[in-house]
Amino acid sequence: MTSDSVKLYSLSTCSHCKSTKKLLDECTVQYEFVDVDLLEGDERKAILEDVKKFNPKCSFPTIIIGGKVIVGYKENEIKEALGL
């Protein structure tokens, strides 16, 4: 199991984002997440700039595990990055 930090950029209405959160919960991984669509104004702009640094297409979910970036719900890649 990884000790790397896990950050998830998601949308509250996205089924792939919900599946990613569910997978992380099932793996009992501590993670931070931001539902970008629930933010407004400058806060949303700032987060979108962060997302673009990792994922220029700015699609969701964007998951950062340590230094690894995974775009989309890719269960095997996520588990591998977590060391599961």
PDB file of N, CA and C in Angstrom:
ATOM      1  N   MET A   1       0.854  -1.185   0.000  1.00  0.00           N
ATOM      2  CA  MET A   1       0.000   0.000   0.000  1.00  0.00           C
ATOM      3  C   MET A   1       0.892   1.239   0.000  1.00  0.00           C
ATOM      4  N   THR A   2       0.559   2.187  -0.831  1.00  0.00           N
ATOM      5  CA  THR A   2       1.370   3.397  -0.976  1.00  0.00           C
ATOM      6  C   THR A   2       1.210   4.335   0.216  1.00  0.00           C
ATOM      7  N   SER A   3       2.279   5.064   0.490  1.00  0.00           N
ATOM      8  CA  SER A   3       2.166   6.123   1.501  1.00  0.00           C
ATOM      9  C   SER A   3       2.139   7.473   0.793  1.00  0.00           C
ATOM     10  N   ASP A   4       2.127   7.429  -0.558  1.00  0.00           N
ATOM     11  CA  ASP A   4       2.055   8.653  -1.341  1.00  0.00           C
ATOM     12  C   ASP A   4       0.715   9.339  -1.118  1.00  0.00           C
ATOM     13  N   SER A   5       0.725  10.651  -1.300  1.00  0.00           N
ATOM     14  CA  SER A   5      -0.546  11.367  -1.187  1.00  0.00           C
ATOM     15  C   SER A   5      -1.390  11.081  -2.430  1.00  0.00           C
ATOM     16  N   VAL A   6      -2.690  11.074  -2.228  1.00  0.00           N
ATOM     17  CA  VAL A   6      -3.632  10.804  -3.315  1.00  0.00           C
ATOM     18  C   VAL A   6      -4.576  11.993  -3.414  1.00  0.00           C
ATOM     19  N   LYS A   7      -4.646  12.574  -4.615  1.00  0.00           N
ATOM     20  CA  LYS A   7      -5.521  13.727  -4.850  1.00  0.00           C
ATOM     21  C   LYS A   7      -6.389  13.409  -6.054  1.00  0.00           C
ATOM     22  N   LEU A   8      -7.660  13.722  -5.937  1.00  0.00           N
ATOM     23  CA  LEU A   8      -8.618  13.435  -6.990  1.00  0.00           C
ATOM     24  C   LEU A   8      -9.343  14.723  -7.370  1.00  0.00           C
ATOM     25  N   TYR A   9      -9.263  15.064  -8.642  1.00  0.00           N
ATOM     26  CA  TYR A   9     -10.055  16.168  -9.182  1.00  0.00           C
ATOM     27  C   TYR A   9     -11.233  15.526  -9.897  1.00  0.00           C
ATOM     28  N   SER A  10     -12.445  15.895  -9.490  1.00  0.00           N
ATOM     29  CA  SER A  10     -13.634  15.205 -10.006  1.00  0.00           C
ATOM     30  C   SER A  10     -14.769  16.196 -10.259  1.00  0.00           C
ATOM     31  N   LEU A  11     -15.842  15.643 -10.825  1.00  0.00           N
ATOM     32  CA  LEU A  11     -17.097  16.381 -10.988  1.00  0.00           C
ATOM     33  C   LEU A  11     -18.157  15.647 -10.188  1.00  0.00           C
ATOM     34  N   SER A  12     -19.025  16.370  -9.526  1.00  0.00           N
ATOM     35  CA  SER A  12     -20.015  15.740  -8.647  1.00  0.00           C
ATOM     36  C   SER A  12     -21.015  14.881  -9.416  1.00  0.00           C
ATOM     37  N   THR A  13     -21.189  15.154 -10.703  1.00  0.00           N
ATOM     38  CA  THR A  13     -22.194  14.444 -11.498  1.00  0.00           C
ATOM     39  C   THR A  13     -21.609  13.344 -12.382  1.00  0.00           C
ATOM     40  N   CYS A  14     -20.304  13.138 -12.322  1.00  0.00           N
ATOM     41  CA  CYS A  14     -19.607  12.231 -13.236  1.00  0.00           C
ATOM     42  C   CYS A  14     -19.598  10.797 -12.697  1.00  0.00           C
ATOM     43  N   SER A  15     -20.109   9.858 -13.478  1.00  0.00           N
ATOM     44  CA  SER A  15     -20.180   8.459 -13.020  1.00  0.00           C
ATOM     45  C   SER A  15     -18.781   7.859 -12.857  1.00  0.00           C
ATOM     46  N   HIS A  16     -17.831   8.224 -13.731  1.00  0.00           N
ATOM     47  CA  HIS A  16     -16.463   7.702 -13.603  1.00  0.00           C
ATOM     48  C   HIS A  16     -15.793   8.252 -12.335  1.00  0.00           C
ATOM     49  N   CYS A  17     -16.107   9.497 -12.000  1.00  0.00           N
ATOM     50  CA  CYS A  17     -15.561  10.103 -10.783  1.00  0.00           C
ATOM     51  C   CYS A  17     -16.121   9.385  -9.553  1.00  0.00           C
ATOM     52  N   LYS A  18     -17.425   9.095  -9.580  1.00  0.00           N
ATOM     53  CA  LYS A  18     -18.046   8.373  -8.456  1.00  0.00           C
ATOM     54  C   LYS A  18     -17.446   6.987  -8.308  1.00  0.00           C
ATOM     55  N   SER A  19     -17.187   6.311  -9.432  1.00  0.00           N
ATOM     56  CA  SER A  19     -16.572   4.977  -9.388  1.00  0.00           C
ATOM     57  C   SER A  19     -15.170   5.047  -8.805  1.00  0.00           C
ATOM     58  N   THR A  20     -14.437   6.112  -9.147  1.00  0.00           N
ATOM     59  CA  THR A  20     -13.081   6.286  -8.623  1.00  0.00           C
ATOM     60  C   THR A  20     -13.117   6.479  -7.107  1.00  0.00           C
ATOM     61  N   LYS A  21     -14.020   7.332  -6.619  1.00  0.00           N
ATOM     62  CA  LYS A  21     -14.149   7.549  -5.172  1.00  0.00           C
ATOM     63  C   LYS A  21     -14.510   6.243  -4.468  1.00  0.00           C
ATOM     64  N   LYS A  22     -15.428   5.488  -5.069  1.00  0.00           N
ATOM     65  CA  LYS A  22     -15.853   4.216  -4.484  1.00  0.00           C
ATOM     66  C   LYS A  22     -14.672   3.246  -4.393  1.00  0.00           C
ATOM     67  N   LEU A  23     -13.876   3.174  -5.463  1.00  0.00           N
ATOM     68  CA  LEU A  23     -12.703   2.296  -5.472  1.00  0.00           C
ATOM     69  C   LEU A  23     -11.718   2.707  -4.380  1.00  0.00           C
ATOM     70  N   LEU A  24     -11.431   3.992  -4.274  1.00  0.00           N
ATOM     71  CA  LEU A  24     -10.493   4.464  -3.244  1.00  0.00           C
ATOM     72  C   LEU A  24     -11.035   4.169  -1.847  1.00  0.00           C
ATOM     73  N   ASP A  25     -12.337   4.340  -1.656  1.00  0.00           N
ATOM     74  CA  ASP A  25     -12.950   4.031  -0.363  1.00  0.00           C
ATOM     75  C   ASP A  25     -12.826   2.530  -0.052  1.00  0.00           C
ATOM     76  N   GLU A  26     -13.097   1.693  -1.055  1.00  0.00           N
ATOM     77  CA  GLU A  26     -13.022   0.233  -0.857  1.00  0.00           C
ATOM     78  C   GLU A  26     -11.594  -0.209  -0.536  1.00  0.00           C
ATOM     79  N   CYS A  27     -10.620   0.518  -1.090  1.00  0.00           N
ATOM     80  CA  CYS A  27      -9.212   0.191  -0.840  1.00  0.00           C
ATOM     81  C   CYS A  27      -8.719   0.844   0.458  1.00  0.00           C
ATOM     82  N   THR A  28      -9.621   1.473   1.177  1.00  0.00           N
ATOM     83  CA  THR A  28      -9.336   2.201   2.419  1.00  0.00           C
ATOM     84  C   THR A  28      -8.122   3.127   2.273  1.00  0.00           C
ATOM     85  N   VAL A  29      -8.126   3.880   1.186  1.00  0.00           N
ATOM     86  CA  VAL A  29      -7.060   4.838   0.909  1.00  0.00           C
ATOM     87  C   VAL A  29      -7.534   6.212   1.347  1.00  0.00           C
ATOM     88  N   GLN A  30      -6.663   6.921   2.062  1.00  0.00           N
ATOM     89  CA  GLN A  30      -6.992   8.301   2.408  1.00  0.00           C
ATOM     90  C   GLN A  30      -6.682   9.155   1.191  1.00  0.00           C
ATOM     91  N   TYR A  31      -7.601  10.019   0.826  1.00  0.00           N
ATOM     92  CA  TYR A  31      -7.386  10.861  -0.341  1.00  0.00           C
ATOM     93  C   TYR A  31      -8.118  12.178  -0.166  1.00  0.00           C
ATOM     94  N   GLU A  32      -7.605  13.171  -0.877  1.00  0.00           N
ATOM     95  CA  GLU A  32      -8.280  14.470  -0.937  1.00  0.00           C
ATOM     96  C   GLU A  32      -8.998  14.524  -2.270  1.00  0.00           C
ATOM     97  N   PHE A  33     -10.153  15.135  -2.293  1.00  0.00           N
ATOM     98  CA  PHE A  33     -10.809  15.324  -3.583  1.00  0.00           C
ATOM     99  C   PHE A  33     -11.454  16.697  -3.645  1.00  0.00           C
ATOM    100  N   VAL A  34     -11.594  17.165  -4.888  1.00  0.00           N
ATOM    101  CA  VAL A  34     -12.265  18.432  -5.145  1.00  0.00           C
ATOM    102  C   VAL A  34     -13.288  18.176  -6.245  1.00  0.00           C
ATOM    103  N   ASP A  35     -14.554  18.464  -5.960  1.00  0.00           N
ATOM    104  CA  ASP A  35     -15.584  18.431  -6.997  1.00  0.00           C
ATOM    105  C   ASP A  35     -15.566  19.799  -7.666  1.00  0.00           C
ATOM    106  N   VAL A  36     -14.869  19.868  -8.795  1.00  0.00           N
ATOM    107  CA  VAL A  36     -14.594  21.145  -9.448  1.00  0.00           C
ATOM    108  C   VAL A  36     -15.875  21.881  -9.843  1.00  0.00           C
ATOM    109  N   ASP A  37     -16.899  21.142 -10.256  1.00  0.00           N
ATOM    110  CA  ASP A  37     -18.144  21.792 -10.699  1.00  0.00           C
ATOM    111  C   ASP A  37     -18.898  22.473  -9.557  1.00  0.00           C
ATOM    112  N   LEU A  38     -18.545  22.177  -8.313  1.00  0.00           N
ATOM    113  CA  LEU A  38     -19.220  22.810  -7.171  1.00  0.00           C
ATOM    114  C   LEU A  38     -18.519  24.096  -6.732  1.00  0.00           C
ATOM    115  N   LEU A  39     -17.367  24.386  -7.331  1.00  0.00           N
ATOM    116  CA  LEU A  39     -16.636  25.606  -6.999  1.00  0.00           C
ATOM    117  C   LEU A  39     -17.139  26.743  -7.884  1.00  0.00           C
ATOM    118  N   GLU A  40     -16.840  27.960  -7.449  1.00  0.00           N
ATOM    119  CA  GLU A  40     -17.267  29.125  -8.226  1.00  0.00           C
ATOM    120  C   GLU A  40     -16.138  30.135  -8.341  1.00  0.00           C
ATOM    121  N   GLY A  41     -16.224  30.966  -9.359  1.00  0.00           N
ATOM    122  CA  GLY A  41     -15.352  32.129  -9.503  1.00  0.00           C
ATOM    123  C   GLY A  41     -13.874  31.809  -9.508  1.00  0.00           C
ATOM    124  N   ASP A  42     -13.120  32.613  -8.741  1.00  0.00           N
ATOM    125  CA  ASP A  42     -11.659  32.502  -8.726  1.00  0.00           C
ATOM    126  C   ASP A  42     -11.190  31.153  -8.197  1.00  0.00           C
ATOM    127  N   GLU A  43     -11.941  30.609  -7.239  1.00  0.00           N
ATOM    128  CA  GLU A  43     -11.562  29.306  -6.677  1.00  0.00           C
ATOM    129  C   GLU A  43     -11.602  28.236  -7.778  1.00  0.00           C
ATOM    130  N   ARG A  44     -12.657  28.251  -8.579  1.00  0.00           N
ATOM    131  CA  ARG A  44     -12.782  27.284  -9.675  1.00  0.00           C
ATOM    132  C   ARG A  44     -11.660  27.490 -10.697  1.00  0.00           C
ATOM    133  N   LYS A  45     -11.400  28.761 -11.054  1.00  0.00           N
ATOM    134  CA  LYS A  45     -10.337  29.059 -12.022  1.00  0.00           C
ATOM    135  C   LYS A  45      -8.994  28.530 -11.536  1.00  0.00           C
ATOM    136  N   ALA A  46      -8.687  28.748 -10.266  1.00  0.00           N
ATOM    137  CA  ALA A  46      -7.407  28.311  -9.702  1.00  0.00           C
ATOM    138  C   ALA A  46      -7.281  26.791  -9.744  1.00  0.00           C
ATOM    139  N   ILE A  47      -8.339  26.091  -9.382  1.00  0.00           N
ATOM    140  CA  ILE A  47      -8.304  24.621  -9.395  1.00  0.00           C
ATOM    141  C   ILE A  47      -8.161  24.103 -10.823  1.00  0.00           C
ATOM    142  N   LEU A  48      -8.881  24.711 -11.774  1.00  0.00           N
ATOM    143  CA  LEU A  48      -8.766  24.282 -13.177  1.00  0.00           C
ATOM    144  C   LEU A  48      -7.343  24.482 -13.698  1.00  0.00           C
ATOM    145  N   GLU A  49      -6.668  25.546 -13.255  1.00  0.00           N
ATOM    146  CA  GLU A  49      -5.264  25.744 -13.636  1.00  0.00           C
ATOM    147  C   GLU A  49      -4.405  24.615 -13.069  1.00  0.00           C
ATOM    148  N   ASP A  50      -4.687  24.208 -11.825  1.00  0.00           N
ATOM    149  CA  ASP A  50      -3.968  23.072 -11.223  1.00  0.00           C
ATOM    150  C   ASP A  50      -4.188  21.803 -12.037  1.00  0.00           C
ATOM    151  N   VAL A  51      -5.439  21.540 -12.391  1.00  0.00           N
ATOM    152  CA  VAL A  51      -5.771  20.331 -13.157  1.00  0.00           C
ATOM    153  C   VAL A  51      -5.005  20.333 -14.478  1.00  0.00           C
ATOM    154  N   LYS A  52      -4.965  21.496 -15.157  1.00  0.00           N
ATOM    155  CA  LYS A  52      -4.296  21.590 -16.464  1.00  0.00           C
ATOM    156  C   LYS A  52      -2.808  21.289 -16.376  1.00  0.00           C
ATOM    157  N   LYS A  53      -2.183  21.538 -15.219  1.00  0.00           N
ATOM    158  CA  LYS A  53      -0.761  21.210 -15.044  1.00  0.00           C
ATOM    159  C   LYS A  53      -0.553  19.696 -15.156  1.00  0.00           C
ATOM    160  N   PHE A  54      -1.499  18.933 -14.641  1.00  0.00           N
ATOM    161  CA  PHE A  54      -1.404  17.470 -14.650  1.00  0.00           C
ATOM    162  C   PHE A  54      -2.040  16.869 -15.903  1.00  0.00           C
ATOM    163  N   ASN A  55      -3.096  17.502 -16.391  1.00  0.00           N
ATOM    164  CA  ASN A  55      -3.907  16.962 -17.475  1.00  0.00           C
ATOM    165  C   ASN A  55      -4.365  18.123 -18.366  1.00  0.00           C
ATOM    166  N   PRO A  56      -3.565  18.439 -19.401  1.00  0.00           N
ATOM    167  CA  PRO A  56      -3.878  19.597 -20.253  1.00  0.00           C
ATOM    168  C   PRO A  56      -5.279  19.572 -20.863  1.00  0.00           C
ATOM    169  N   LYS A  57      -5.860  18.384 -21.052  1.00  0.00           N
ATOM    170  CA  LYS A  57      -7.211  18.303 -21.613  1.00  0.00           C
ATOM    171  C   LYS A  57      -8.273  18.656 -20.578  1.00  0.00           C
ATOM    172  N   CYS A  58      -7.867  18.671 -19.311  1.00  0.00           N
ATOM    173  CA  CYS A  58      -8.751  19.066 -18.219  1.00  0.00           C
ATOM    174  C   CYS A  58     -10.007  18.188 -18.182  1.00  0.00           C
ATOM    175  N   SER A  59      -9.803  16.880 -18.281  1.00  0.00           N
ATOM    176  CA  SER A  59     -10.924  15.941 -18.212  1.00  0.00           C
ATOM    177  C   SER A  59     -10.941  15.280 -16.838  1.00  0.00           C
ATOM    178  N   PHE A  60     -12.028  14.613 -16.543  1.00  0.00           N
ATOM    179  CA  PHE A  60     -12.235  14.085 -15.197  1.00  0.00           C
ATOM    180  C   PHE A  60     -12.632  12.621 -15.242  1.00  0.00           C
ATOM    181  N   PRO A  61     -12.281  11.858 -14.222  1.00  0.00           N
ATOM    182  CA  PRO A  61     -11.452  12.237 -13.077  1.00  0.00           C
ATOM    183  C   PRO A  61      -9.974  12.344 -13.453  1.00  0.00           C
ATOM    184  N   THR A  62      -9.273  13.229 -12.763  1.00  0.00           N
ATOM    185  CA  THR A  62      -7.821  13.308 -12.829  1.00  0.00           C
ATOM    186  C   THR A  62      -7.320  12.934 -11.440  1.00  0.00           C
ATOM    187  N   ILE A  63      -6.521  11.866 -11.379  1.00  0.00           N
ATOM    188  CA  ILE A  63      -6.056  11.332 -10.101  1.00  0.00           C
ATOM    189  C   ILE A  63      -4.538  11.471 -10.042  1.00  0.00           C
ATOM    190  N   ILE A  64      -4.032  12.003  -8.943  1.00  0.00           N
ATOM    191  CA  ILE A  64      -2.591  12.103  -8.741  1.00  0.00           C
ATOM    192  C   ILE A  64      -2.240  11.237  -7.539  1.00  0.00           C
ATOM    193  N   ILE A  65      -1.413  10.232  -7.791  1.00  0.00           N
ATOM    194  CA  ILE A  65      -0.957   9.329  -6.728  1.00  0.00           C
ATOM    195  C   ILE A  65       0.555   9.464  -6.679  1.00  0.00           C
ATOM    196  N   GLY A  66       1.041  10.159  -5.634  1.00  0.00           N
ATOM    197  CA  GLY A  66       2.470  10.465  -5.595  1.00  0.00           C
ATOM    198  C   GLY A  66       2.793  11.334  -6.804  1.00  0.00           C
ATOM    199  N   GLY A  67       3.683  10.863  -7.668  1.00  0.00           N
ATOM    200  CA  GLY A  67       4.031  11.612  -8.875  1.00  0.00           C
ATOM    201  C   GLY A  67       3.336  11.101 -10.119  1.00  0.00           C
ATOM    202  N   LYS A  68       2.471  10.107  -9.978  1.00  0.00           N
ATOM    203  CA  LYS A  68       1.815   9.493 -11.136  1.00  0.00           C
ATOM    204  C   LYS A  68       0.442  10.120 -11.365  1.00  0.00           C
ATOM    205  N   VAL A  69       0.160  10.443 -12.618  1.00  0.00           N
ATOM    206  CA  VAL A  69      -1.129  11.032 -12.988  1.00  0.00           C
ATOM    207  C   VAL A  69      -1.914   9.995 -13.789  1.00  0.00           C
ATOM    208  N   ILE A  70      -3.141   9.750 -13.376  1.00  0.00           N
ATOM    209  CA  ILE A  70      -4.040   8.839 -14.091  1.00  0.00           C
ATOM    210  C   ILE A  70      -5.277   9.640 -14.461  1.00  0.00           C
ATOM    211  N   VAL A  71      -5.620   9.605 -15.741  1.00  0.00           N
ATOM    212  CA  VAL A  71      -6.796  10.331 -16.219  1.00  0.00           C
ATOM    213  C   VAL A  71      -7.858   9.305 -16.585  1.00  0.00           C
ATOM    214  N   GLY A  72      -9.029   9.440 -15.971  1.00  0.00           N
ATOM    215  CA  GLY A  72     -10.113   8.503 -16.228  1.00  0.00           C
ATOM    216  C   GLY A  72     -10.152   7.409 -15.171  1.00  0.00           C
ATOM    217  N   TYR A  73     -11.229   6.651 -15.208  1.00  0.00           N
ATOM    218  CA  TYR A  73     -11.391   5.550 -14.250  1.00  0.00           C
ATOM    219  C   TYR A  73     -10.722   4.308 -14.824  1.00  0.00           C
ATOM    220  N   LYS A  74      -9.474   4.094 -14.393  1.00  0.00           N
ATOM    221  CA  LYS A  74      -8.688   2.953 -14.863  1.00  0.00           C
ATOM    222  C   LYS A  74      -8.323   2.134 -13.631  1.00  0.00           C
ATOM    223  N   GLU A  75      -9.222   1.238 -13.259  1.00  0.00           N
ATOM    224  CA  GLU A  75      -9.107   0.508 -11.998  1.00  0.00           C
ATOM    225  C   GLU A  75      -7.743  -0.146 -11.820  1.00  0.00           C
ATOM    226  N   ASN A  76      -7.268  -0.856 -12.833  1.00  0.00           N
ATOM    227  CA  ASN A  76      -5.986  -1.566 -12.694  1.00  0.00           C
ATOM    228  C   ASN A  76      -4.823  -0.610 -12.507  1.00  0.00           C
ATOM    229  N   GLU A  77      -4.815   0.486 -13.267  1.00  0.00           N
ATOM    230  CA  GLU A  77      -3.737   1.476 -13.131  1.00  0.00           C
ATOM    231  C   GLU A  77      -3.768   2.120 -11.754  1.00  0.00           C
ATOM    232  N   ILE A  78      -4.962   2.419 -11.265  1.00  0.00           N
ATOM    233  CA  ILE A  78      -5.100   3.051  -9.943  1.00  0.00           C
ATOM    234  C   ILE A  78      -4.576   2.094  -8.880  1.00  0.00           C
ATOM    235  N   LYS A  79      -5.003   0.831  -8.928  1.00  0.00           N
ATOM    236  CA  LYS A  79      -4.561  -0.145  -7.932  1.00  0.00           C
ATOM    237  C   LYS A  79      -3.049  -0.332  -7.997  1.00  0.00           C
ATOM    238  N   GLU A  80      -2.508  -0.378  -9.201  1.00  0.00           N
ATOM    239  CA  GLU A  80      -1.052  -0.552  -9.364  1.00  0.00           C
ATOM    240  C   GLU A  80      -0.310   0.626  -8.749  1.00  0.00           C
ATOM    241  N   ALA A  81      -0.788   1.860  -9.019  1.00  0.00           N
ATOM    242  CA  ALA A  81      -0.152   3.057  -8.475  1.00  0.00           C
ATOM    243  C   ALA A  81      -0.236   3.088  -6.947  1.00  0.00           C
ATOM    244  N   LEU A  82      -1.296   2.485  -6.409  1.00  0.00           N
ATOM    245  CA  LEU A  82      -1.461   2.422  -4.957  1.00  0.00           C
ATOM    246  C   LEU A  82      -0.654   1.293  -4.332  1.00  0.00           C
ATOM    247  N   GLY A  83      -0.103   0.418  -5.182  1.00  0.00           N
ATOM    248  CA  GLY A  83       0.673  -0.712  -4.676  1.00  0.00           C
ATOM    249  C   GLY A  83      -0.212  -1.835  -4.179  1.00  0.00           C
ATOM    250  N   LEU A  84      -1.392  -1.999  -4.770  1.00  0.00           N
ATOM    251  CA  LEU A  84      -2.321  -3.056  -4.352  1.00  0.00           C
ATOM    252  C   LEU A  84      -2.262  -4.240  -5.287  1.00  0.00           C
TER     253      LEU A  84
END
